Amino acid sequence: MVILDLEDMAEDIRTRYDALTGLEQLAVEEIMDAFDYSLERALDIVESHDYEFFYRTTLADLAYEFIHDCGWEPFINWDPDTVEALEPYIDYNKLGAVLYEDGYRETSSGVIRVFW
C-alpha cells in the first residue's frame, strides 16, 4: 500500500489532496498502488470522478453483487429464481477474474476501477 508523506508534498498537490474526503483520499492511494500512477494523475482521476471504488469488498464479492443486486451481462435478464437455481454452480472467484480483465483491481481497502 502507498503511504503518502504529507509533509513532503508540493503545496498545490497538498491543497488538492486535503480538499478531498477521507474516502477520496483513500481512493487516490489505492489508484496509485493498483495502477502505479503518480500522485498527480491519481488526484486528477479522483477529482474528475473517473473511477469506481467499492470500499471493503473483494472481486468475488463484487461479482456476487453484480449478479444478484445490479444485473450483469449475461445475467441481467435472468429472473432471481434462475440465478438461485444456478447458485451452486457459480464460481464467483472466476467471475472476479473476469472483472480483473475488465480493469477492476482488488486492493487492501476494496476494489477500484479507473475509466482512463
PDB file of N, CA and C in Angstrom:
ATOM      1  N   MET A   1       0.835  -1.172   0.000  1.00  0.00           N
ATOM      2  CA  MET A   1       0.000   0.000   0.000  1.00  0.00           C
ATOM      3  C   MET A   1       0.883   1.241   0.000  1.00  0.00           C
ATOM      4  N   VAL A   2       0.452   2.245  -0.742  1.00  0.00           N
ATOM      5  CA  VAL A   2       1.163   3.507  -0.826  1.00  0.00           C
ATOM      6  C   VAL A   2       0.966   4.275   0.480  1.00  0.00           C
ATOM      7  N   ILE A   3       2.046   4.809   1.003  1.00  0.00           N
ATOM      8  CA  ILE A   3       1.977   5.647   2.191  1.00  0.00           C
ATOM      9  C   ILE A   3       2.467   7.030   1.777  1.00  0.00           C
ATOM     10  N   LEU A   4       1.565   7.999   1.847  1.00  0.00           N
ATOM     11  CA  LEU A   4       1.899   9.346   1.411  1.00  0.00           C
ATOM     12  C   LEU A   4       2.505  10.142   2.557  1.00  0.00           C
ATOM     13  N   ASP A   5       3.583  10.851   2.257  1.00  0.00           N
ATOM     14  CA  ASP A   5       4.224  11.726   3.230  1.00  0.00           C
ATOM     15  C   ASP A   5       3.679  13.132   3.002  1.00  0.00           C
ATOM     16  N   LEU A   6       2.717  13.522   3.802  1.00  0.00           N
ATOM     17  CA  LEU A   6       2.041  14.804   3.614  1.00  0.00           C
ATOM     18  C   LEU A   6       2.987  15.988   3.792  1.00  0.00           C
ATOM     19  N   GLU A   7       4.027  15.836   4.570  1.00  0.00           N
ATOM     20  CA  GLU A   7       4.972  16.926   4.809  1.00  0.00           C
ATOM     21  C   GLU A   7       5.805  17.261   3.571  1.00  0.00           C
ATOM     22  N   ASP A   8       6.056  16.259   2.725  1.00  0.00           N
ATOM     23  CA  ASP A   8       6.910  16.467   1.567  1.00  0.00           C
ATOM     24  C   ASP A   8       6.145  16.784   0.279  1.00  0.00           C
ATOM     25  N   MET A   9       4.823  16.850   0.357  1.00  0.00           N
ATOM     26  CA  MET A   9       4.037  17.159  -0.843  1.00  0.00           C
ATOM     27  C   MET A   9       4.212  18.625  -1.229  1.00  0.00           C
ATOM     28  N   ALA A  10       4.198  18.867  -2.535  1.00  0.00           N
ATOM     29  CA  ALA A  10       4.193  20.239  -3.013  1.00  0.00           C
ATOM     30  C   ALA A  10       2.904  20.903  -2.521  1.00  0.00           C
ATOM     31  N   GLU A  11       2.955  22.207  -2.301  1.00  0.00           N
ATOM     32  CA  GLU A  11       1.816  22.909  -1.697  1.00  0.00           C
ATOM     33  C   GLU A  11       0.532  22.762  -2.503  1.00  0.00           C
ATOM     34  N   ASP A  12       0.608  22.894  -3.844  1.00  0.00           N
ATOM     35  CA  ASP A  12      -0.610  22.780  -4.659  1.00  0.00           C
ATOM     36  C   ASP A  12      -1.179  21.360  -4.624  1.00  0.00           C
ATOM     37  N   ILE A  13      -0.304  20.369  -4.621  1.00  0.00           N
ATOM     38  CA  ILE A  13      -0.747  18.971  -4.527  1.00  0.00           C
ATOM     39  C   ILE A  13      -1.365  18.726  -3.157  1.00  0.00           C
ATOM     40  N   ARG A  14      -0.737  19.243  -2.130  1.00  0.00           N
ATOM     41  CA  ARG A  14      -1.248  19.072  -0.756  1.00  0.00           C
ATOM     42  C   ARG A  14      -2.623  19.723  -0.620  1.00  0.00           C
ATOM     43  N   THR A  15      -2.805  20.898  -1.199  1.00  0.00           N
ATOM     44  CA  THR A  15      -4.094  21.592  -1.143  1.00  0.00           C
ATOM     45  C   THR A  15      -5.173  20.764  -1.824  1.00  0.00           C
ATOM     46  N   ARG A  16      -4.857  20.222  -2.980  1.00  0.00           N
ATOM     47  CA  ARG A  16      -5.818  19.377  -3.705  1.00  0.00           C
ATOM     48  C   ARG A  16      -6.156  18.129  -2.903  1.00  0.00           C
ATOM     49  N   TYR A  17      -5.141  17.499  -2.337  1.00  0.00           N
ATOM     50  CA  TYR A  17      -5.328  16.274  -1.556  1.00  0.00           C
ATOM     51  C   TYR A  17      -6.177  16.552  -0.315  1.00  0.00           C
ATOM     52  N   ASP A  18      -5.880  17.640   0.383  1.00  0.00           N
ATOM     53  CA  ASP A  18      -6.606  17.993   1.602  1.00  0.00           C
ATOM     54  C   ASP A  18      -8.068  18.342   1.331  1.00  0.00           C
ATOM     55  N   ALA A  19      -8.379  18.774   0.116  1.00  0.00           N
ATOM     56  CA  ALA A  19      -9.760  19.140  -0.229  1.00  0.00           C
ATOM     57  C   ALA A  19     -10.652  17.910  -0.424  1.00  0.00           C
ATOM     58  N   LEU A  20     -10.050  16.742  -0.524  1.00  0.00           N
ATOM     59  CA  LEU A  20     -10.814  15.513  -0.749  1.00  0.00           C
ATOM     60  C   LEU A  20     -11.366  14.971   0.569  1.00  0.00           C
ATOM     61  N   THR A  21     -12.437  14.185   0.465  1.00  0.00           N
ATOM     62  CA  THR A  21     -12.947  13.475   1.636  1.00  0.00           C
ATOM     63  C   THR A  21     -11.975  12.354   1.985  1.00  0.00           C
ATOM     64  N   GLY A  22     -12.160  11.772   3.144  1.00  0.00           N
ATOM     65  CA  GLY A  22     -11.296  10.668   3.566  1.00  0.00           C
ATOM     66  C   GLY A  22     -11.358   9.492   2.607  1.00  0.00           C
ATOM     67  N   LEU A  23     -12.552   9.161   2.122  1.00  0.00           N
ATOM     68  CA  LEU A  23     -12.698   8.050   1.188  1.00  0.00           C
ATOM     69  C   LEU A  23     -12.054   8.377  -0.158  1.00  0.00           C
ATOM     70  N   GLU A  24     -12.147   9.631  -0.584  1.00  0.00           N
ATOM     71  CA  GLU A  24     -11.488  10.037  -1.821  1.00  0.00           C
ATOM     72  C   GLU A  24      -9.968   9.992  -1.673  1.00  0.00           C
ATOM     73  N   GLN A  25      -9.463  10.392  -0.517  1.00  0.00           N
ATOM     74  CA  GLN A  25      -8.027  10.295  -0.275  1.00  0.00           C
ATOM     75  C   GLN A  25      -7.569   8.843  -0.318  1.00  0.00           C
ATOM     76  N   LEU A  26      -8.370   7.954   0.247  1.00  0.00           N
ATOM     77  CA  LEU A  26      -8.049   6.533   0.194  1.00  0.00           C
ATOM     78  C   LEU A  26      -8.075   6.043  -1.254  1.00  0.00           C
ATOM     79  N   ALA A  27      -9.041   6.511  -2.034  1.00  0.00           N
ATOM     80  CA  ALA A  27      -9.114   6.133  -3.442  1.00  0.00           C
ATOM     81  C   ALA A  27      -7.856   6.578  -4.191  1.00  0.00           C
ATOM     82  N   VAL A  28      -7.351   7.779  -3.897  1.00  0.00           N
ATOM     83  CA  VAL A  28      -6.112   8.260  -4.516  1.00  0.00           C
ATOM     84  C   VAL A  28      -4.976   7.286  -4.231  1.00  0.00           C
ATOM     85  N   GLU A  29      -4.849   6.895  -2.966  1.00  0.00           N
ATOM     86  CA  GLU A  29      -3.774   5.990  -2.578  1.00  0.00           C
ATOM     87  C   GLU A  29      -3.923   4.627  -3.249  1.00  0.00           C
ATOM     88  N   GLU A  30      -5.146   4.127  -3.329  1.00  0.00           N
ATOM     89  CA  GLU A  30      -5.369   2.817  -3.942  1.00  0.00           C
ATOM     90  C   GLU A  30      -5.150   2.857  -5.455  1.00  0.00           C
ATOM     91  N   ILE A  31      -5.496   3.956  -6.090  1.00  0.00           N
ATOM     92  CA  ILE A  31      -5.228   4.110  -7.527  1.00  0.00           C
ATOM     93  C   ILE A  31      -3.728   4.109  -7.780  1.00  0.00           C
ATOM     94  N   MET A  32      -2.994   4.823  -6.953  1.00  0.00           N
ATOM     95  CA  MET A  32      -1.536   4.853  -7.101  1.00  0.00           C
ATOM     96  C   MET A  32      -0.961   3.450  -6.939  1.00  0.00           C
ATOM     97  N   ASP A  33      -1.470   2.728  -5.957  1.00  0.00           N
ATOM     98  CA  ASP A  33      -0.957   1.400  -5.657  1.00  0.00           C
ATOM     99  C   ASP A  33      -1.354   0.383  -6.733  1.00  0.00           C
ATOM    100  N   ALA A  34      -2.617   0.375  -7.116  1.00  0.00           N
ATOM    101  CA  ALA A  34      -3.121  -0.648  -8.037  1.00  0.00           C
ATOM    102  C   ALA A  34      -2.676  -0.425  -9.478  1.00  0.00           C
ATOM    103  N   PHE A  35      -2.555   0.835  -9.887  1.00  0.00           N
ATOM    104  CA  PHE A  35      -2.262   1.131 -11.285  1.00  0.00           C
ATOM    105  C   PHE A  35      -0.888   1.762 -11.488  1.00  0.00           C
ATOM    106  N   ASP A  36      -0.159   1.973 -10.402  1.00  0.00           N
ATOM    107  CA  ASP A  36       1.177   2.562 -10.453  1.00  0.00           C
ATOM    108  C   ASP A  36       1.157   3.950 -11.098  1.00  0.00           C
ATOM    109  N   TYR A  37       0.118   4.733 -10.786  1.00  0.00           N
ATOM    110  CA  TYR A  37       0.014   6.101 -11.283  1.00  0.00           C
ATOM    111  C   TYR A  37       0.697   7.049 -10.311  1.00  0.00           C
ATOM    112  N   SER A  38       1.085   8.197 -10.821  1.00  0.00           N
ATOM    113  CA  SER A  38       1.655   9.237  -9.979  1.00  0.00           C
ATOM    114  C   SER A  38       0.562   9.837  -9.101  1.00  0.00           C
ATOM    115  N   LEU A  39       0.972  10.542  -8.065  1.00  0.00           N
ATOM    116  CA  LEU A  39       0.019  11.201  -7.174  1.00  0.00           C
ATOM    117  C   LEU A  39      -0.819  12.206  -7.950  1.00  0.00           C
ATOM    118  N   GLU A  40      -0.187  12.976  -8.803  1.00  0.00           N
ATOM    119  CA  GLU A  40      -0.926  13.988  -9.561  1.00  0.00           C
ATOM    120  C   GLU A  40      -1.960  13.355 -10.493  1.00  0.00           C
ATOM    121  N   ARG A  41      -1.585  12.287 -11.154  1.00  0.00           N
ATOM    122  CA  ARG A  41      -2.548  11.613 -12.048  1.00  0.00           C
ATOM    123  C   ARG A  41      -3.693  11.001 -11.244  1.00  0.00           C
ATOM    124  N   ALA A  42      -3.386  10.392 -10.109  1.00  0.00           N
ATOM    125  CA  ALA A  42      -4.431   9.816  -9.264  1.00  0.00           C
ATOM    126  C   ALA A  42      -5.372  10.913  -8.760  1.00  0.00           C
ATOM    127  N   LEU A  43      -4.821  12.066  -8.395  1.00  0.00           N
ATOM    128  CA  LEU A  43      -5.667  13.188  -7.985  1.00  0.00           C
ATOM    129  C   LEU A  43      -6.580  13.639  -9.119  1.00  0.00           C
ATOM    130  N   ASP A  44      -6.033  13.720 -10.330  1.00  0.00           N
ATOM    131  CA  ASP A  44      -6.845  14.103 -11.491  1.00  0.00           C
ATOM    132  C   ASP A  44      -8.024  13.143 -11.672  1.00  0.00           C
ATOM    133  N   ILE A  45      -7.762  11.859 -11.533  1.00  0.00           N
ATOM    134  CA  ILE A  45      -8.802  10.842 -11.710  1.00  0.00           C
ATOM    135  C   ILE A  45      -9.892  10.992 -10.658  1.00  0.00           C
ATOM    136  N   VAL A  46      -9.492  11.143  -9.409  1.00  0.00           N
ATOM    137  CA  VAL A  46     -10.472  11.258  -8.328  1.00  0.00           C
ATOM    138  C   VAL A  46     -11.247  12.569  -8.438  1.00  0.00           C
ATOM    139  N   GLU A  47     -10.567  13.652  -8.717  1.00  0.00           N
ATOM    140  CA  GLU A  47     -11.242  14.950  -8.832  1.00  0.00           C
ATOM    141  C   GLU A  47     -12.237  14.979  -9.984  1.00  0.00           C
ATOM    142  N   SER A  48     -11.964  14.235 -11.045  1.00  0.00           N
ATOM    143  CA  SER A  48     -12.872  14.206 -12.191  1.00  0.00           C
ATOM    144  C   SER A  48     -13.898  13.076 -12.094  1.00  0.00           C
ATOM    145  N   HIS A  49     -13.843  12.316 -10.999  1.00  0.00           N
ATOM    146  CA  HIS A  49     -14.785  11.209 -10.742  1.00  0.00           C
ATOM    147  C   HIS A  49     -14.734  10.146 -11.840  1.00  0.00           C
ATOM    148  N   ASP A  50     -13.544   9.912 -12.371  1.00  0.00           N
ATOM    149  CA  ASP A  50     -13.343   8.912 -13.417  1.00  0.00           C
ATOM    150  C   ASP A  50     -12.910   7.579 -12.822  1.00  0.00           C
ATOM    151  N   TYR A  51     -13.599   7.133 -11.792  1.00  0.00           N
ATOM    152  CA  TYR A  51     -13.253   5.885 -11.127  1.00  0.00           C
ATOM    153  C   TYR A  51     -14.478   5.365 -10.381  1.00  0.00           C
ATOM    154  N   GLU A  52     -14.419   4.097 -10.027  1.00  0.00           N
ATOM    155  CA  GLU A  52     -15.385   3.494  -9.116  1.00  0.00           C
ATOM    156  C   GLU A  52     -14.579   2.885  -7.978  1.00  0.00           C
ATOM    157  N   PHE A  53     -15.071   3.032  -6.767  1.00  0.00           N
ATOM    158  CA  PHE A  53     -14.384   2.480  -5.614  1.00  0.00           C
ATOM    159  C   PHE A  53     -15.415   1.751  -4.764  1.00  0.00           C
ATOM    160  N   PHE A  54     -15.227   0.453  -4.634  1.00  0.00           N
ATOM    161  CA  PHE A  54     -16.111  -0.391  -3.847  1.00  0.00           C
ATOM    162  C   PHE A  54     -15.357  -0.719  -2.556  1.00  0.00           C
ATOM    163  N   TYR A  55     -15.623   0.074  -1.545  1.00  0.00           N
ATOM    164  CA  TYR A  55     -14.897   0.002  -0.281  1.00  0.00           C
ATOM    165  C   TYR A  55     -15.227  -1.296   0.447  1.00  0.00           C
ATOM    166  N   ARG A  56     -14.182  -1.921   0.983  1.00  0.00           N
ATOM    167  CA  ARG A  56     -14.291  -3.131   1.807  1.00  0.00           C
ATOM    168  C   ARG A  56     -15.017  -4.277   1.095  1.00  0.00           C
ATOM    169  N   THR A  57     -14.596  -4.551  -0.120  1.00  0.00           N
ATOM    170  CA  THR A  57     -15.134  -5.702  -0.847  1.00  0.00           C
ATOM    171  C   THR A  57     -14.003  -6.369  -1.616  1.00  0.00           C
ATOM    172  N   THR A  58     -14.276  -7.541  -2.152  1.00  0.00           N
ATOM    173  CA  THR A  58     -13.311  -8.271  -2.978  1.00  0.00           C
ATOM    174  C   THR A  58     -13.880  -8.417  -4.380  1.00  0.00           C
ATOM    175  N   LEU A  59     -13.054  -8.871  -5.297  1.00  0.00           N
ATOM    176  CA  LEU A  59     -13.552  -9.102  -6.657  1.00  0.00           C
ATOM    177  C   LEU A  59     -14.655 -10.152  -6.665  1.00  0.00           C
ATOM    178  N   ALA A  60     -14.488 -11.212  -5.883  1.00  0.00           N
ATOM    179  CA  ALA A  60     -15.514 -12.263  -5.826  1.00  0.00           C
ATOM    180  C   ALA A  60     -16.816 -11.717  -5.240  1.00  0.00           C
ATOM    181  N   ASP A  61     -16.714 -10.927  -4.185  1.00  0.00           N
ATOM    182  CA  ASP A  61     -17.913 -10.332  -3.591  1.00  0.00           C
ATOM    183  C   ASP A  61     -18.591  -9.371  -4.555  1.00  0.00           C
ATOM    184  N   LEU A  62     -17.795  -8.635  -5.306  1.00  0.00           N
ATOM    185  CA  LEU A  62     -18.347  -7.703  -6.277  1.00  0.00           C
ATOM    186  C   LEU A  62     -19.062  -8.459  -7.396  1.00  0.00           C
ATOM    187  N   ALA A  63     -18.495  -9.578  -7.840  1.00  0.00           N
ATOM    188  CA  ALA A  63     -19.152 -10.410  -8.847  1.00  0.00           C
ATOM    189  C   ALA A  63     -20.507 -10.892  -8.324  1.00  0.00           C
ATOM    190  N   TYR A  64     -20.549 -11.326  -7.075  1.00  0.00           N
ATOM    191  CA  TYR A  64     -21.807 -11.756  -6.450  1.00  0.00           C
ATOM    192  C   TYR A  64     -22.820 -10.609  -6.460  1.00  0.00           C
ATOM    193  N   GLU A  65     -22.374  -9.432  -6.054  1.00  0.00           N
ATOM    194  CA  GLU A  65     -23.267  -8.272  -6.018  1.00  0.00           C
ATOM    195  C   GLU A  65     -23.780  -7.931  -7.406  1.00  0.00           C
ATOM    196  N   PHE A  66     -22.905  -7.961  -8.397  1.00  0.00           N
ATOM    197  CA  PHE A  66     -23.326  -7.645  -9.761  1.00  0.00           C
ATOM    198  C   PHE A  66     -24.392  -8.613 -10.257  1.00  0.00           C
ATOM    199  N   ILE A  67     -24.248  -9.874  -9.928  1.00  0.00           N
ATOM    200  CA  ILE A  67     -25.212 -10.870 -10.390  1.00  0.00           C
ATOM    201  C   ILE A  67     -26.527 -10.765  -9.620  1.00  0.00           C
ATOM    202  N   HIS A  68     -26.452 -10.613  -8.329  1.00  0.00           N
ATOM    203  CA  HIS A  68     -27.656 -10.663  -7.501  1.00  0.00           C
ATOM    204  C   HIS A  68     -28.355  -9.318  -7.315  1.00  0.00           C
ATOM    205  N   ASP A  69     -27.607  -8.239  -7.313  1.00  0.00           N
ATOM    206  CA  ASP A  69     -28.209  -6.954  -6.990  1.00  0.00           C
ATOM    207  C   ASP A  69     -28.266  -5.976  -8.155  1.00  0.00           C
ATOM    208  N   CYS A  70     -27.281  -5.998  -8.995  1.00  0.00           N
ATOM    209  CA  CYS A  70     -27.155  -4.953 -10.018  1.00  0.00           C
ATOM    210  C   CYS A  70     -27.522  -5.416 -11.423  1.00  0.00           C
ATOM    211  N   GLY A  71     -27.413  -6.696 -11.673  1.00  0.00           N
ATOM    212  CA  GLY A  71     -27.575  -7.174 -13.038  1.00  0.00           C
ATOM    213  C   GLY A  71     -26.251  -7.081 -13.768  1.00  0.00           C
ATOM    214  N   TRP A  72     -25.843  -8.163 -14.354  1.00  0.00           N
ATOM    215  CA  TRP A  72     -24.548  -8.205 -15.038  1.00  0.00           C
ATOM    216  C   TRP A  72     -24.715  -9.120 -16.241  1.00  0.00           C
ATOM    217  N   GLU A  73     -24.365  -8.630 -17.405  1.00  0.00           N
ATOM    218  CA  GLU A  73     -24.443  -9.464 -18.606  1.00  0.00           C
ATOM    219  C   GLU A  73     -23.637 -10.727 -18.384  1.00  0.00           C
ATOM    220  N   PRO A  74     -24.054 -11.884 -18.751  1.00  0.00           N
ATOM    221  CA  PRO A  74     -25.322 -12.225 -19.389  1.00  0.00           C
ATOM    222  C   PRO A  74     -26.450 -12.506 -18.402  1.00  0.00           C
ATOM    223  N   PHE A  75     -26.277 -12.151 -17.141  1.00  0.00           N
ATOM    224  CA  PHE A  75     -27.254 -12.473 -16.114  1.00  0.00           C
ATOM    225  C   PHE A  75     -28.335 -11.398 -15.957  1.00  0.00           C
ATOM    226  N   ILE A  76     -28.224 -10.301 -16.668  1.00  0.00           N
ATOM    227  CA  ILE A  76     -29.072  -9.150 -16.411  1.00  0.00           C
ATOM    228  C   ILE A  76     -30.563  -9.440 -16.634  1.00  0.00           C
ATOM    229  N   ASN A  77     -30.899 -10.273 -17.579  1.00  0.00           N
ATOM    230  CA  ASN A  77     -32.302 -10.551 -17.866  1.00  0.00           C
ATOM    231  C   ASN A  77     -32.808 -11.834 -17.206  1.00  0.00           C
ATOM    232  N   TRP A  78     -32.001 -12.428 -16.373  1.00  0.00           N
ATOM    233  CA  TRP A  78     -32.404 -13.657 -15.694  1.00  0.00           C
ATOM    234  C   TRP A  78     -33.272 -13.318 -14.503  1.00  0.00           C
ATOM    235  N   ASP A  79     -34.276 -14.136 -14.297  1.00  0.00           N
ATOM    236  CA  ASP A  79     -35.090 -13.900 -13.111  1.00  0.00           C
ATOM    237  C   ASP A  79     -34.346 -14.438 -11.886  1.00  0.00           C
ATOM    238  N   PRO A  80     -34.673 -13.930 -10.706  1.00  0.00           N
ATOM    239  CA  PRO A  80     -33.959 -14.331  -9.492  1.00  0.00           C
ATOM    240  C   PRO A  80     -34.033 -15.825  -9.206  1.00  0.00           C
ATOM    241  N   ASP A  81     -35.133 -16.483  -9.586  1.00  0.00           N
ATOM    242  CA  ASP A  81     -35.260 -17.920  -9.355  1.00  0.00           C
ATOM    243  C   ASP A  81     -34.235 -18.702 -10.174  1.00  0.00           C
ATOM    244  N   THR A  82     -33.971 -18.255 -11.393  1.00  0.00           N
ATOM    245  CA  THR A  82     -32.982 -18.918 -12.235  1.00  0.00           C
ATOM    246  C   THR A  82     -31.589 -18.759 -11.637  1.00  0.00           C
ATOM    247  N   VAL A  83     -31.258 -17.553 -11.207  1.00  0.00           N
ATOM    248  CA  VAL A  83     -29.952 -17.315 -10.602  1.00  0.00           C
ATOM    249  C   VAL A  83     -29.810 -18.160  -9.338  1.00  0.00           C
ATOM    250  N   GLU A  84     -30.858 -18.212  -8.531  1.00  0.00           N
ATOM    251  CA  GLU A  84     -30.800 -19.010  -7.309  1.00  0.00           C
ATOM    252  C   GLU A  84     -30.617 -20.493  -7.612  1.00  0.00           C
ATOM    253  N   ALA A  85     -31.267 -20.991  -8.664  1.00  0.00           N
ATOM    254  CA  ALA A  85     -31.117 -22.399  -9.032  1.00  0.00           C
ATOM    255  C   ALA A  85     -29.698 -22.706  -9.491  1.00  0.00           C
ATOM    256  N   LEU A  86     -29.049 -21.742 -10.101  1.00  0.00           N
ATOM    257  CA  LEU A  86     -27.686 -21.938 -10.599  1.00  0.00           C
ATOM    258  C   LEU A  86     -26.620 -21.621  -9.548  1.00  0.00           C
ATOM    259  N   GLU A  87     -27.030 -21.075  -8.418  1.00  0.00           N
ATOM    260  CA  GLU A  87     -26.095 -20.636  -7.374  1.00  0.00           C
ATOM    261  C   GLU A  87     -24.998 -21.659  -7.047  1.00  0.00           C
ATOM    262  N   PRO A  88     -25.316 -22.950  -6.882  1.00  0.00           N
ATOM    263  CA  PRO A  88     -24.250 -23.901  -6.538  1.00  0.00           C
ATOM    264  C   PRO A  88     -23.176 -24.056  -7.619  1.00  0.00           C
ATOM    265  N   TYR A  89     -23.478 -23.611  -8.830  1.00  0.00           N
ATOM    266  CA  TYR A  89     -22.560 -23.792  -9.952  1.00  0.00           C
ATOM    267  C   TYR A  89     -21.798 -22.517 -10.320  1.00  0.00           C
ATOM    268  N   ILE A  90     -22.122 -21.433  -9.676  1.00  0.00           N
ATOM    269  CA  ILE A  90     -21.484 -20.157  -9.999  1.00  0.00           C
ATOM    270  C   ILE A  90     -20.180 -20.031  -9.212  1.00  0.00           C
ATOM    271  N   ASP A  91     -19.089 -19.794  -9.921  1.00  0.00           N
ATOM    272  CA  ASP A  91     -17.779 -19.625  -9.299  1.00  0.00           C
ATOM    273  C   ASP A  91     -17.456 -18.128  -9.281  1.00  0.00           C
ATOM    274  N   TYR A  92     -17.694 -17.510  -8.136  1.00  0.00           N
ATOM    275  CA  TYR A  92     -17.510 -16.067  -8.031  1.00  0.00           C
ATOM    276  C   TYR A  92     -16.040 -15.652  -8.116  1.00  0.00           C
ATOM    277  N   ASN A  93     -15.135 -16.527  -7.737  1.00  0.00           N
ATOM    278  CA  ASN A  93     -13.713 -16.211  -7.893  1.00  0.00           C
ATOM    279  C   ASN A  93     -13.342 -16.105  -9.366  1.00  0.00           C
ATOM    280  N   LYS A  94     -13.872 -17.010 -10.177  1.00  0.00           N
ATOM    281  CA  LYS A  94     -13.597 -16.927 -11.620  1.00  0.00           C
ATOM    282  C   LYS A  94     -14.257 -15.704 -12.239  1.00  0.00           C
ATOM    283  N   LEU A  95     -15.455 -15.374 -11.777  1.00  0.00           N
ATOM    284  CA  LEU A  95     -16.105 -14.164 -12.278  1.00  0.00           C
ATOM    285  C   LEU A  95     -15.343 -12.919 -11.810  1.00  0.00           C
ATOM    286  N   GLY A  96     -14.734 -12.985 -10.631  1.00  0.00           N
ATOM    287  CA  GLY A  96     -13.869 -11.901 -10.182  1.00  0.00           C
ATOM    288  C   GLY A  96     -12.679 -11.719 -11.113  1.00  0.00           C
ATOM    289  N   ALA A  97     -12.176 -12.833 -11.651  1.00  0.00           N
ATOM    290  CA  ALA A  97     -11.072 -12.756 -12.626  1.00  0.00           C
ATOM    291  C   ALA A  97     -11.532 -12.052 -13.899  1.00  0.00           C
ATOM    292  N   VAL A  98     -12.786 -12.237 -14.275  1.00  0.00           N
ATOM    293  CA  VAL A  98     -13.346 -11.532 -15.436  1.00  0.00           C
ATOM    294  C   VAL A  98     -13.389 -10.032 -15.141  1.00  0.00           C
ATOM    295  N   LEU A  99     -13.783  -9.677 -13.935  1.00  0.00           N
ATOM    296  CA  LEU A  99     -13.780  -8.262 -13.551  1.00  0.00           C
ATOM    297  C   LEU A  99     -12.367  -7.687 -13.621  1.00  0.00           C
ATOM    298  N   TYR A 100     -11.380  -8.457 -13.197  1.00  0.00           N
ATOM    299  CA  TYR A 100      -9.989  -8.022 -13.276  1.00  0.00           C
ATOM    300  C   TYR A 100      -9.617  -7.722 -14.732  1.00  0.00           C
ATOM    301  N   GLU A 101     -10.030  -8.599 -15.633  1.00  0.00           N
ATOM    302  CA  GLU A 101      -9.755  -8.389 -17.060  1.00  0.00           C
ATOM    303  C   GLU A 101     -10.436  -7.128 -17.576  1.00  0.00           C
ATOM    304  N   ASP A 102     -11.543  -6.743 -16.928  1.00  0.00           N
ATOM    305  CA  ASP A 102     -12.271  -5.536 -17.319  1.00  0.00           C
ATOM    306  C   ASP A 102     -11.747  -4.276 -16.628  1.00  0.00           C
ATOM    307  N   GLY A 103     -10.627  -4.391 -15.908  1.00  0.00           N
ATOM    308  CA  GLY A 103      -9.998  -3.214 -15.333  1.00  0.00           C
ATOM    309  C   GLY A 103     -10.235  -2.987 -13.858  1.00  0.00           C
ATOM    310  N   TYR A 104     -10.962  -3.879 -13.208  1.00  0.00           N
ATOM    311  CA  TYR A 104     -11.157  -3.769 -11.762  1.00  0.00           C
ATOM    312  C   TYR A 104      -9.923  -4.328 -11.060  1.00  0.00           C
ATOM    313  N   ARG A 105      -9.505  -3.664  -9.977  1.00  0.00           N
ATOM    314  CA  ARG A 105      -8.349  -4.134  -9.226  1.00  0.00           C
ATOM    315  C   ARG A 105      -8.708  -4.240  -7.752  1.00  0.00           C
ATOM    316  N   GLU A 106      -8.364  -5.383  -7.168  1.00  0.00           N
ATOM    317  CA  GLU A 106      -8.585  -5.586  -5.744  1.00  0.00           C
ATOM    318  C   GLU A 106      -7.414  -4.984  -4.982  1.00  0.00           C
ATOM    319  N   THR A 107      -7.725  -4.213  -3.969  1.00  0.00           N
ATOM    320  CA  THR A 107      -6.706  -3.563  -3.154  1.00  0.00           C
ATOM    321  C   THR A 107      -6.915  -3.954  -1.694  1.00  0.00           C
ATOM    322  N   SER A 108      -6.087  -3.447  -0.837  1.00  0.00           N
ATOM    323  CA  SER A 108      -6.224  -3.752   0.583  1.00  0.00           C
ATOM    324  C   SER A 108      -7.468  -3.113   1.193  1.00  0.00           C
ATOM    325  N   SER A 109      -8.064  -2.149   0.496  1.00  0.00           N
ATOM    326  CA  SER A 109      -9.242  -1.454   1.024  1.00  0.00           C
ATOM    327  C   SER A 109     -10.520  -1.745   0.256  1.00  0.00           C
ATOM    328  N   GLY A 110     -10.430  -2.510  -0.808  1.00  0.00           N
ATOM    329  CA  GLY A 110     -11.618  -2.794  -1.603  1.00  0.00           C
ATOM    330  C   GLY A 110     -11.248  -3.044  -3.058  1.00  0.00           C
ATOM    331  N   VAL A 111     -12.171  -2.687  -3.942  1.00  0.00           N
ATOM    332  CA  VAL A 111     -11.964  -2.862  -5.377  1.00  0.00           C
ATOM    333  C   VAL A 111     -12.090  -1.490  -6.029  1.00  0.00           C
ATOM    334  N   ILE A 112     -11.171  -1.208  -6.959  1.00  0.00           N
ATOM    335  CA  ILE A 112     -11.178   0.076  -7.636  1.00  0.00           C
ATOM    336  C   ILE A 112     -11.072  -0.128  -9.134  1.00  0.00           C
ATOM    337  N   ARG A 113     -11.709   0.753  -9.870  1.00  0.00           N
ATOM    338  CA  ARG A 113     -11.666   0.730 -11.341  1.00  0.00           C
ATOM    339  C   ARG A 113     -11.502   2.170 -11.812  1.00  0.00           C
ATOM    340  N   VAL A 114     -10.612   2.381 -12.759  1.00  0.00           N
ATOM    341  CA  VAL A 114     -10.354   3.699 -13.329  1.00  0.00           C
ATOM    342  C   VAL A 114     -10.856   3.690 -14.758  1.00  0.00           C
ATOM    343  N   PHE A 115     -11.487   4.789 -15.159  1.00  0.00           N
ATOM    344  CA  PHE A 115     -12.060   4.890 -16.514  1.00  0.00           C
ATOM    345  C   PHE A 115     -11.113   5.512 -17.526  1.00  0.00           C
ATOM    346  N   TRP A 116      -9.888   5.815 -17.150  1.00  0.00           N
ATOM    347  CA  TRP A 116      -8.925   6.417 -18.085  1.00  0.00           C
ATOM    348  C   TRP A 116      -8.268   5.344 -18.891  1.00  0.00           C
TER     349      TRP A 116
END
